[in-house]
N, C-alpha and C. Protein backbone atom coordinates (compact mmCIF):
# COMPACT_ATOMS: atom_id res chain seq x y z
N MET A 1 24.04 36.75 19.29
CA MET A 1 24.03 36.13 17.98
C MET A 1 24.75 34.78 18.03
N LYS A 2 25.82 34.72 18.79
CA LYS A 2 26.57 33.49 18.91
C LYS A 2 25.71 32.40 19.56
N GLN A 3 24.93 32.79 20.56
CA GLN A 3 24.05 31.82 21.23
C GLN A 3 22.96 31.33 20.28
N PHE A 4 22.46 32.21 19.47
CA PHE A 4 21.43 31.81 18.50
C PHE A 4 21.99 30.80 17.51
N PHE A 5 23.23 31.02 17.06
CA PHE A 5 23.87 30.11 16.12
C PHE A 5 24.09 28.73 16.75
N ILE A 6 24.55 28.69 17.97
CA ILE A 6 24.77 27.42 18.67
C ILE A 6 23.44 26.71 18.89
N PHE A 7 22.42 27.47 19.28
CA PHE A 7 21.10 26.88 19.51
C PHE A 7 20.51 26.31 18.21
N SER A 8 20.62 27.05 17.11
CA SER A 8 20.08 26.56 15.83
C SER A 8 20.89 25.37 15.31
N ALA A 9 22.21 25.34 15.52
CA ALA A 9 23.02 24.19 15.12
C ALA A 9 22.62 22.96 15.93
N PHE A 10 22.37 23.16 17.20
CA PHE A 10 21.93 22.07 18.07
C PHE A 10 20.58 21.50 17.59
N LEU A 11 19.64 22.39 17.27
CA LEU A 11 18.34 21.95 16.76
C LEU A 11 18.46 21.24 15.42
N LEU A 12 19.31 21.77 14.58
CA LEU A 12 19.49 21.18 13.26
C LEU A 12 20.05 19.76 13.37
N LEU A 13 21.02 19.55 14.22
CA LEU A 13 21.62 18.22 14.37
C LEU A 13 20.64 17.23 15.02
N ASN A 14 19.85 17.69 15.95
CA ASN A 14 18.89 16.80 16.60
C ASN A 14 17.68 16.53 15.73
N SER A 15 17.32 17.45 14.89
CA SER A 15 16.13 17.26 14.07
C SER A 15 16.35 16.23 12.96
N CYS A 16 17.56 15.89 12.64
CA CYS A 16 17.83 14.88 11.62
C CYS A 16 17.29 13.52 12.02
N GLN A 17 17.21 13.29 13.32
CA GLN A 17 16.69 12.00 13.79
C GLN A 17 15.21 11.84 13.46
N TYR A 18 14.50 12.94 13.33
CA TYR A 18 13.07 12.86 13.03
C TYR A 18 12.82 12.45 11.58
N PHE A 19 13.77 12.70 10.72
CA PHE A 19 13.62 12.34 9.30
C PHE A 19 14.06 10.92 9.02
N GLU A 20 14.76 10.34 9.96
CA GLU A 20 15.28 9.00 9.78
C GLU A 20 14.18 8.00 10.14
N LYS A 21 13.77 7.21 9.18
CA LYS A 21 12.73 6.21 9.42
C LYS A 21 13.34 4.83 9.36
N LYS A 22 12.90 4.00 10.26
CA LYS A 22 13.39 2.64 10.26
C LYS A 22 12.62 1.86 9.20
N VAL A 23 13.32 1.32 8.23
CA VAL A 23 12.71 0.55 7.16
C VAL A 23 12.82 -0.92 7.53
N PRO A 24 11.68 -1.63 7.59
CA PRO A 24 11.76 -3.06 7.93
C PRO A 24 12.43 -3.85 6.81
N SER A 25 13.08 -4.91 7.19
CA SER A 25 13.77 -5.73 6.19
C SER A 25 12.76 -6.54 5.39
N GLU A 26 13.22 -7.04 4.26
CA GLU A 26 12.35 -7.84 3.39
C GLU A 26 11.87 -9.10 4.12
N LYS A 27 12.75 -9.71 4.89
CA LYS A 27 12.39 -10.94 5.60
C LYS A 27 11.31 -10.67 6.64
N GLU A 28 11.41 -9.54 7.34
CA GLU A 28 10.39 -9.19 8.32
C GLU A 28 9.04 -8.97 7.65
N LEU A 29 9.05 -8.26 6.53
CA LEU A 29 7.81 -8.02 5.79
C LEU A 29 7.21 -9.32 5.28
N LEU A 30 8.07 -10.20 4.75
CA LEU A 30 7.60 -11.48 4.24
C LEU A 30 6.99 -12.32 5.36
N GLN A 31 7.65 -12.40 6.51
CA GLN A 31 7.13 -13.18 7.63
C GLN A 31 5.79 -12.62 8.12
N LYS A 32 5.70 -11.30 8.17
CA LYS A 32 4.45 -10.68 8.60
C LYS A 32 3.31 -10.99 7.62
N GLU A 33 3.61 -10.93 6.33
CA GLU A 33 2.59 -11.22 5.31
C GLU A 33 2.19 -12.70 5.33
N LEU A 34 3.17 -13.59 5.50
CA LEU A 34 2.87 -15.02 5.55
C LEU A 34 2.01 -15.38 6.74
N LYS A 35 2.21 -14.70 7.87
CA LYS A 35 1.39 -14.95 9.04
C LYS A 35 -0.03 -14.43 8.85
N ALA A 36 -0.18 -13.40 8.04
CA ALA A 36 -1.50 -12.80 7.82
C ALA A 36 -2.36 -13.62 6.87
N ILE A 37 -1.74 -14.47 6.05
CA ILE A 37 -2.48 -15.25 5.05
C ILE A 37 -3.11 -16.48 5.71
N ASN A 38 -4.38 -16.72 5.44
CA ASN A 38 -5.07 -17.91 5.91
C ASN A 38 -4.86 -19.00 4.86
N TRP A 39 -4.00 -19.95 5.15
CA TRP A 39 -3.65 -20.98 4.18
C TRP A 39 -4.68 -22.09 4.10
N LYS A 40 -5.66 -22.10 4.99
CA LYS A 40 -6.68 -23.15 4.99
C LYS A 40 -7.84 -22.85 4.05
N GLU A 41 -7.97 -21.60 3.61
CA GLU A 41 -9.08 -21.21 2.75
C GLU A 41 -8.56 -20.58 1.47
N VAL A 42 -9.38 -20.66 0.43
CA VAL A 42 -9.04 -20.04 -0.85
C VAL A 42 -9.92 -18.81 -1.05
N ASP A 43 -9.50 -17.93 -1.93
CA ASP A 43 -10.28 -16.73 -2.23
C ASP A 43 -11.49 -17.08 -3.09
N GLU A 44 -11.28 -17.97 -4.07
CA GLU A 44 -12.36 -18.44 -4.93
C GLU A 44 -12.28 -19.95 -5.02
N TYR A 45 -13.40 -20.62 -4.85
CA TYR A 45 -13.45 -22.07 -4.94
C TYR A 45 -13.43 -22.50 -6.40
N PRO A 46 -13.12 -23.78 -6.66
CA PRO A 46 -13.20 -24.26 -8.04
C PRO A 46 -14.62 -24.06 -8.56
N SER A 47 -14.74 -24.01 -9.87
CA SER A 47 -16.06 -23.77 -10.44
C SER A 47 -16.21 -24.49 -11.77
N LEU A 48 -17.45 -24.77 -12.10
CA LEU A 48 -17.80 -25.35 -13.39
C LEU A 48 -18.45 -24.27 -14.24
N PRO A 49 -18.45 -24.43 -15.57
CA PRO A 49 -19.05 -23.39 -16.43
C PRO A 49 -20.51 -23.08 -16.08
N GLU A 50 -21.27 -24.08 -15.64
CA GLU A 50 -22.68 -23.86 -15.30
C GLU A 50 -22.84 -22.95 -14.09
N CYS A 51 -21.82 -22.88 -13.25
CA CYS A 51 -21.90 -22.11 -12.00
C CYS A 51 -21.25 -20.73 -12.12
N GLU A 52 -20.61 -20.43 -13.22
CA GLU A 52 -19.87 -19.18 -13.38
C GLU A 52 -20.77 -17.94 -13.30
N ALA A 53 -22.01 -18.06 -13.74
CA ALA A 53 -22.90 -16.89 -13.79
C ALA A 53 -23.38 -16.47 -12.40
N ILE A 54 -23.24 -17.32 -11.41
CA ILE A 54 -23.69 -17.00 -10.05
C ILE A 54 -22.69 -16.05 -9.40
N SER A 55 -23.18 -14.92 -8.91
CA SER A 55 -22.27 -13.91 -8.34
C SER A 55 -21.97 -14.16 -6.86
N ASP A 56 -22.91 -14.73 -6.12
CA ASP A 56 -22.71 -14.98 -4.70
C ASP A 56 -21.73 -16.15 -4.52
N GLU A 57 -20.67 -15.92 -3.76
CA GLU A 57 -19.60 -16.91 -3.60
C GLU A 57 -20.10 -18.21 -2.96
N LYS A 58 -20.94 -18.11 -1.94
CA LYS A 58 -21.47 -19.30 -1.26
C LYS A 58 -22.39 -20.09 -2.19
N GLN A 59 -23.21 -19.40 -2.97
CA GLN A 59 -24.11 -20.08 -3.90
C GLN A 59 -23.32 -20.76 -5.02
N ARG A 60 -22.24 -20.10 -5.48
CA ARG A 60 -21.40 -20.69 -6.53
C ARG A 60 -20.71 -21.95 -6.00
N GLN A 61 -20.24 -21.89 -4.75
CA GLN A 61 -19.61 -23.05 -4.14
C GLN A 61 -20.61 -24.20 -4.01
N LYS A 62 -21.82 -23.91 -3.54
CA LYS A 62 -22.86 -24.93 -3.42
C LYS A 62 -23.21 -25.53 -4.78
N CYS A 63 -23.32 -24.68 -5.79
CA CYS A 63 -23.60 -25.13 -7.15
C CYS A 63 -22.51 -26.10 -7.61
N PHE A 64 -21.25 -25.76 -7.38
CA PHE A 64 -20.14 -26.61 -7.79
C PHE A 64 -20.21 -27.97 -7.13
N PHE A 65 -20.36 -28.01 -5.80
CA PHE A 65 -20.39 -29.29 -5.09
C PHE A 65 -21.61 -30.12 -5.47
N ASP A 66 -22.77 -29.47 -5.61
CA ASP A 66 -23.98 -30.21 -6.01
C ASP A 66 -23.83 -30.80 -7.40
N LEU A 67 -23.30 -30.01 -8.32
CA LEU A 67 -23.14 -30.47 -9.70
C LEU A 67 -22.10 -31.59 -9.80
N MET A 68 -21.01 -31.45 -9.07
CA MET A 68 -19.98 -32.51 -9.08
C MET A 68 -20.53 -33.81 -8.51
N THR A 69 -21.29 -33.72 -7.43
CA THR A 69 -21.89 -34.92 -6.83
C THR A 69 -22.86 -35.56 -7.80
N ARG A 70 -23.71 -34.75 -8.42
CA ARG A 70 -24.70 -35.28 -9.37
C ARG A 70 -24.03 -35.92 -10.57
N LEU A 71 -22.98 -35.29 -11.12
CA LEU A 71 -22.27 -35.86 -12.27
C LEU A 71 -21.60 -37.19 -11.90
N ALA A 72 -20.99 -37.27 -10.72
CA ALA A 72 -20.34 -38.50 -10.30
C ALA A 72 -21.37 -39.61 -10.11
N GLN A 73 -22.52 -39.28 -9.51
CA GLN A 73 -23.56 -40.28 -9.32
C GLN A 73 -24.11 -40.76 -10.67
N GLN A 74 -24.29 -39.86 -11.61
CA GLN A 74 -24.79 -40.25 -12.93
C GLN A 74 -23.80 -41.18 -13.63
N LYS A 75 -22.51 -40.90 -13.50
CA LYS A 75 -21.51 -41.74 -14.16
C LYS A 75 -21.41 -43.12 -13.52
N LEU A 76 -21.70 -43.20 -12.22
CA LEU A 76 -21.61 -44.49 -11.53
C LEU A 76 -22.93 -45.26 -11.54
N GLU A 77 -24.02 -44.61 -11.89
CA GLU A 77 -25.32 -45.30 -11.95
C GLU A 77 -25.32 -46.41 -12.97
N ILE A 78 -24.60 -46.20 -14.06
CA ILE A 78 -24.62 -47.18 -15.15
C ILE A 78 -23.70 -48.36 -14.89
N ASP A 79 -23.02 -48.37 -13.77
CA ASP A 79 -22.11 -49.46 -13.46
C ASP A 79 -22.78 -50.45 -12.51
N SER A 80 -22.16 -51.59 -12.34
CA SER A 80 -22.74 -52.66 -11.53
C SER A 80 -22.22 -52.67 -10.10
N LEU A 81 -21.61 -51.59 -9.65
CA LEU A 81 -21.08 -51.56 -8.28
C LEU A 81 -22.17 -51.81 -7.25
N SER A 82 -23.33 -51.18 -7.44
CA SER A 82 -24.39 -51.33 -6.45
C SER A 82 -24.98 -52.74 -6.46
N ILE A 83 -24.85 -53.46 -7.56
CA ILE A 83 -25.34 -54.84 -7.63
C ILE A 83 -24.30 -55.80 -7.05
N LEU A 84 -23.02 -55.58 -7.40
CA LEU A 84 -21.95 -56.44 -6.88
C LEU A 84 -21.77 -56.29 -5.38
N TYR A 85 -21.91 -55.06 -4.89
CA TYR A 85 -21.71 -54.78 -3.48
C TYR A 85 -22.93 -54.06 -2.94
N PRO A 86 -24.01 -54.78 -2.64
CA PRO A 86 -25.23 -54.12 -2.16
C PRO A 86 -25.05 -53.40 -0.82
N GLU A 87 -24.07 -53.84 -0.02
CA GLU A 87 -23.84 -53.18 1.27
C GLU A 87 -23.12 -51.84 1.10
N LEU A 88 -22.60 -51.60 -0.09
CA LEU A 88 -21.88 -50.35 -0.38
C LEU A 88 -22.88 -49.35 -0.95
N ASP A 89 -23.42 -48.50 -0.08
CA ASP A 89 -24.44 -47.55 -0.54
C ASP A 89 -23.87 -46.16 -0.83
N THR A 90 -22.77 -45.80 -0.16
CA THR A 90 -22.15 -44.50 -0.38
C THR A 90 -20.65 -44.66 -0.41
N ILE A 91 -20.03 -44.02 -1.37
CA ILE A 91 -18.57 -44.01 -1.46
C ILE A 91 -18.11 -42.57 -1.26
N SER A 92 -17.17 -42.38 -0.37
CA SER A 92 -16.55 -41.07 -0.21
C SER A 92 -15.39 -40.99 -1.19
N VAL A 93 -15.44 -40.00 -2.05
CA VAL A 93 -14.41 -39.84 -3.07
C VAL A 93 -13.65 -38.54 -2.81
N LYS A 94 -12.33 -38.66 -2.65
CA LYS A 94 -11.51 -37.46 -2.49
C LYS A 94 -11.19 -36.93 -3.89
N VAL A 95 -11.62 -35.71 -4.14
CA VAL A 95 -11.41 -35.08 -5.43
C VAL A 95 -10.30 -34.04 -5.27
N THR A 96 -9.32 -34.12 -6.15
CA THR A 96 -8.24 -33.13 -6.16
C THR A 96 -8.33 -32.36 -7.46
N VAL A 97 -8.43 -31.04 -7.36
CA VAL A 97 -8.44 -30.17 -8.53
C VAL A 97 -7.09 -29.46 -8.55
N PHE A 98 -6.30 -29.73 -9.58
CA PHE A 98 -4.96 -29.15 -9.70
C PHE A 98 -5.02 -27.77 -10.34
N PRO A 99 -3.97 -26.96 -10.18
CA PRO A 99 -3.96 -25.61 -10.77
C PRO A 99 -4.12 -25.59 -12.29
N ASN A 100 -3.75 -26.68 -12.96
CA ASN A 100 -3.90 -26.75 -14.42
C ASN A 100 -5.27 -27.30 -14.83
N ALA A 101 -6.22 -27.35 -13.91
CA ALA A 101 -7.61 -27.76 -14.11
C ALA A 101 -7.78 -29.27 -14.30
N LYS A 102 -6.75 -30.05 -14.09
CA LYS A 102 -6.89 -31.51 -14.12
C LYS A 102 -7.51 -31.96 -12.79
N MET A 103 -8.23 -33.09 -12.86
CA MET A 103 -8.87 -33.63 -11.65
C MET A 103 -8.42 -35.06 -11.41
N LYS A 104 -8.36 -35.41 -10.12
CA LYS A 104 -7.99 -36.77 -9.72
C LYS A 104 -9.02 -37.24 -8.70
N PHE A 105 -9.48 -38.48 -8.85
CA PHE A 105 -10.48 -39.06 -7.95
C PHE A 105 -9.85 -40.23 -7.21
N GLU A 106 -10.00 -40.24 -5.87
CA GLU A 106 -9.50 -41.33 -5.05
C GLU A 106 -10.59 -41.75 -4.07
N PRO A 107 -11.04 -43.01 -4.15
CA PRO A 107 -12.05 -43.45 -3.17
C PRO A 107 -11.44 -43.54 -1.78
N GLN A 108 -12.22 -43.18 -0.79
CA GLN A 108 -11.78 -43.23 0.60
C GLN A 108 -12.55 -44.36 1.28
N PHE A 109 -11.84 -45.45 1.56
CA PHE A 109 -12.45 -46.61 2.18
C PHE A 109 -12.15 -46.63 3.67
N PRO A 110 -13.08 -47.21 4.46
CA PRO A 110 -12.76 -47.41 5.88
C PRO A 110 -11.57 -48.35 6.01
N LYS A 111 -10.81 -48.21 7.08
CA LYS A 111 -9.60 -49.03 7.26
C LYS A 111 -9.92 -50.53 7.34
N ASP A 112 -11.09 -50.87 7.85
CA ASP A 112 -11.45 -52.28 8.02
C ASP A 112 -12.39 -52.77 6.93
N SER A 113 -12.26 -52.25 5.72
CA SER A 113 -13.19 -52.61 4.64
C SER A 113 -12.75 -53.92 3.99
N VAL A 114 -13.31 -55.03 4.47
CA VAL A 114 -13.03 -56.34 3.89
C VAL A 114 -14.27 -56.90 3.20
N ALA A 115 -15.36 -56.16 3.27
CA ALA A 115 -16.62 -56.64 2.70
C ALA A 115 -16.62 -56.54 1.17
N TYR A 116 -15.74 -55.76 0.61
CA TYR A 116 -15.69 -55.60 -0.84
C TYR A 116 -14.25 -55.39 -1.30
N ASP A 117 -14.03 -55.66 -2.55
CA ASP A 117 -12.70 -55.58 -3.15
C ASP A 117 -12.39 -54.12 -3.46
N THR A 118 -11.55 -53.51 -2.64
CA THR A 118 -11.25 -52.08 -2.80
C THR A 118 -10.53 -51.80 -4.11
N ILE A 119 -9.71 -52.73 -4.56
CA ILE A 119 -8.98 -52.52 -5.82
C ILE A 119 -9.95 -52.50 -6.99
N LYS A 120 -10.94 -53.41 -6.97
CA LYS A 120 -11.92 -53.44 -8.05
C LYS A 120 -12.79 -52.19 -8.04
N VAL A 121 -13.23 -51.78 -6.86
CA VAL A 121 -14.04 -50.57 -6.74
C VAL A 121 -13.24 -49.36 -7.22
N ASP A 122 -11.97 -49.29 -6.85
CA ASP A 122 -11.11 -48.18 -7.28
C ASP A 122 -10.96 -48.17 -8.80
N SER A 123 -10.77 -49.34 -9.41
CA SER A 123 -10.61 -49.38 -10.86
C SER A 123 -11.90 -48.98 -11.58
N VAL A 124 -13.04 -49.37 -11.03
CA VAL A 124 -14.32 -48.96 -11.62
C VAL A 124 -14.48 -47.45 -11.54
N LEU A 125 -14.15 -46.89 -10.38
CA LEU A 125 -14.24 -45.43 -10.22
C LEU A 125 -13.32 -44.70 -11.19
N GLN A 126 -12.09 -45.18 -11.32
CA GLN A 126 -11.15 -44.53 -12.24
C GLN A 126 -11.62 -44.62 -13.68
N ALA A 127 -12.27 -45.73 -14.04
CA ALA A 127 -12.76 -45.89 -15.40
C ALA A 127 -14.00 -45.04 -15.68
N ARG A 128 -14.86 -44.87 -14.69
CA ARG A 128 -16.13 -44.16 -14.88
C ARG A 128 -16.03 -42.65 -14.68
N LEU A 129 -15.21 -42.23 -13.74
CA LEU A 129 -15.15 -40.81 -13.42
C LEU A 129 -14.16 -40.08 -14.34
N VAL A 130 -14.53 -40.03 -15.61
CA VAL A 130 -13.75 -39.33 -16.63
C VAL A 130 -14.69 -38.43 -17.42
N ASP A 131 -14.12 -37.60 -18.25
CA ASP A 131 -14.88 -36.71 -19.13
C ASP A 131 -15.79 -35.76 -18.37
N PHE A 132 -15.28 -35.18 -17.30
CA PHE A 132 -16.03 -34.15 -16.59
C PHE A 132 -15.87 -32.84 -17.36
N PRO A 133 -16.81 -31.93 -17.20
CA PRO A 133 -16.63 -30.61 -17.83
C PRO A 133 -15.38 -29.94 -17.28
N LYS A 134 -14.86 -28.99 -18.04
CA LYS A 134 -13.65 -28.27 -17.62
C LYS A 134 -13.92 -27.51 -16.33
N VAL A 135 -13.07 -27.74 -15.34
CA VAL A 135 -13.20 -27.11 -14.03
C VAL A 135 -12.20 -25.96 -13.94
N SER A 136 -12.69 -24.82 -13.47
CA SER A 136 -11.78 -23.70 -13.18
C SER A 136 -11.18 -23.96 -11.81
N PRO A 137 -9.85 -23.94 -11.67
CA PRO A 137 -9.25 -24.24 -10.37
C PRO A 137 -9.53 -23.15 -9.34
N ALA A 138 -9.28 -23.47 -8.09
CA ALA A 138 -9.45 -22.50 -7.01
C ALA A 138 -8.39 -21.41 -7.14
N ILE A 139 -8.71 -20.24 -6.61
CA ILE A 139 -7.80 -19.09 -6.69
C ILE A 139 -7.44 -18.63 -5.28
N LYS A 140 -6.16 -18.42 -5.05
CA LYS A 140 -5.68 -17.86 -3.79
C LYS A 140 -4.74 -16.71 -4.14
N ARG A 141 -5.14 -15.51 -3.77
CA ARG A 141 -4.36 -14.30 -4.03
C ARG A 141 -4.01 -14.14 -5.51
N GLY A 142 -4.98 -14.48 -6.36
CA GLY A 142 -4.82 -14.31 -7.80
C GLY A 142 -4.08 -15.43 -8.51
N ILE A 143 -3.73 -16.49 -7.79
CA ILE A 143 -2.97 -17.59 -8.38
C ILE A 143 -3.78 -18.88 -8.27
N PRO A 144 -3.89 -19.66 -9.37
CA PRO A 144 -4.57 -20.96 -9.29
C PRO A 144 -3.83 -21.89 -8.33
N VAL A 145 -4.58 -22.57 -7.47
CA VAL A 145 -3.99 -23.46 -6.48
C VAL A 145 -4.68 -24.83 -6.49
N LYS A 146 -4.00 -25.81 -5.90
CA LYS A 146 -4.56 -27.17 -5.78
C LYS A 146 -5.53 -27.20 -4.60
N THR A 147 -6.69 -27.83 -4.80
CA THR A 147 -7.65 -28.01 -3.72
C THR A 147 -8.08 -29.46 -3.66
N GLN A 148 -8.48 -29.88 -2.46
CA GLN A 148 -8.99 -31.23 -2.27
C GLN A 148 -10.24 -31.15 -1.42
N PHE A 149 -11.19 -32.03 -1.75
CA PHE A 149 -12.41 -32.11 -0.97
C PHE A 149 -12.99 -33.50 -1.12
N ILE A 150 -13.87 -33.87 -0.20
CA ILE A 150 -14.50 -35.19 -0.19
C ILE A 150 -15.93 -35.05 -0.70
N LEU A 151 -16.26 -35.86 -1.70
CA LEU A 151 -17.63 -35.91 -2.22
C LEU A 151 -18.27 -37.22 -1.78
N PRO A 152 -19.43 -37.17 -1.15
CA PRO A 152 -20.14 -38.42 -0.86
C PRO A 152 -20.97 -38.81 -2.09
N VAL A 153 -20.63 -39.94 -2.70
CA VAL A 153 -21.33 -40.40 -3.90
C VAL A 153 -22.25 -41.55 -3.50
N ILE A 154 -23.55 -41.34 -3.69
CA ILE A 154 -24.55 -42.34 -3.31
C ILE A 154 -24.77 -43.27 -4.51
N LEU A 155 -24.62 -44.56 -4.25
CA LEU A 155 -24.85 -45.57 -5.29
C LEU A 155 -26.29 -46.06 -5.18
N LYS A 156 -26.98 -46.16 -6.29
CA LYS A 156 -28.38 -46.61 -6.28
C LYS A 156 -28.49 -47.89 -7.10
N ALA A 157 -29.11 -48.88 -6.52
CA ALA A 157 -29.31 -50.13 -7.24
C ALA A 157 -30.47 -49.97 -8.21
N LYS A 158 -30.28 -50.50 -9.43
CA LYS A 158 -31.36 -50.43 -10.43
C LYS A 158 -32.37 -51.52 -10.11
N GLU A 159 -33.62 -51.15 -10.14
CA GLU A 159 -34.67 -52.12 -9.81
C GLU A 159 -35.64 -52.25 -10.96
């Protein structure tokens, strides 16, 4: 009986180690989660009201970019940029959509662009690229985030 008691006490003391689980620290969990997140992509791209009904994510993204390009071209068609600068056929515009749904447009000029007045082109773009429909910002893990993308805007001369 004495041996049984010693044996069961030994098992009882050793078995406590099986119930002890190592709990990772908050910092370790945070670092692991941050490494798992792809910061280069968003869960949902920005969207316009016309594109909201599309359920396929790729089609909704295509709809957004096509509509934004078309709206920018329509707003710039009525301006004289294509007449003043006939060599300027396409402008790359960096569009920033902020989490509060505000948008900012910045023309992207080549570094050696001396053929046209970049300040004047920029002021025309800032004056014309206003009054866009309300844009839903991009979503990353359920939170609205800032996104940036380049839109190629084709200028057409009126004939």
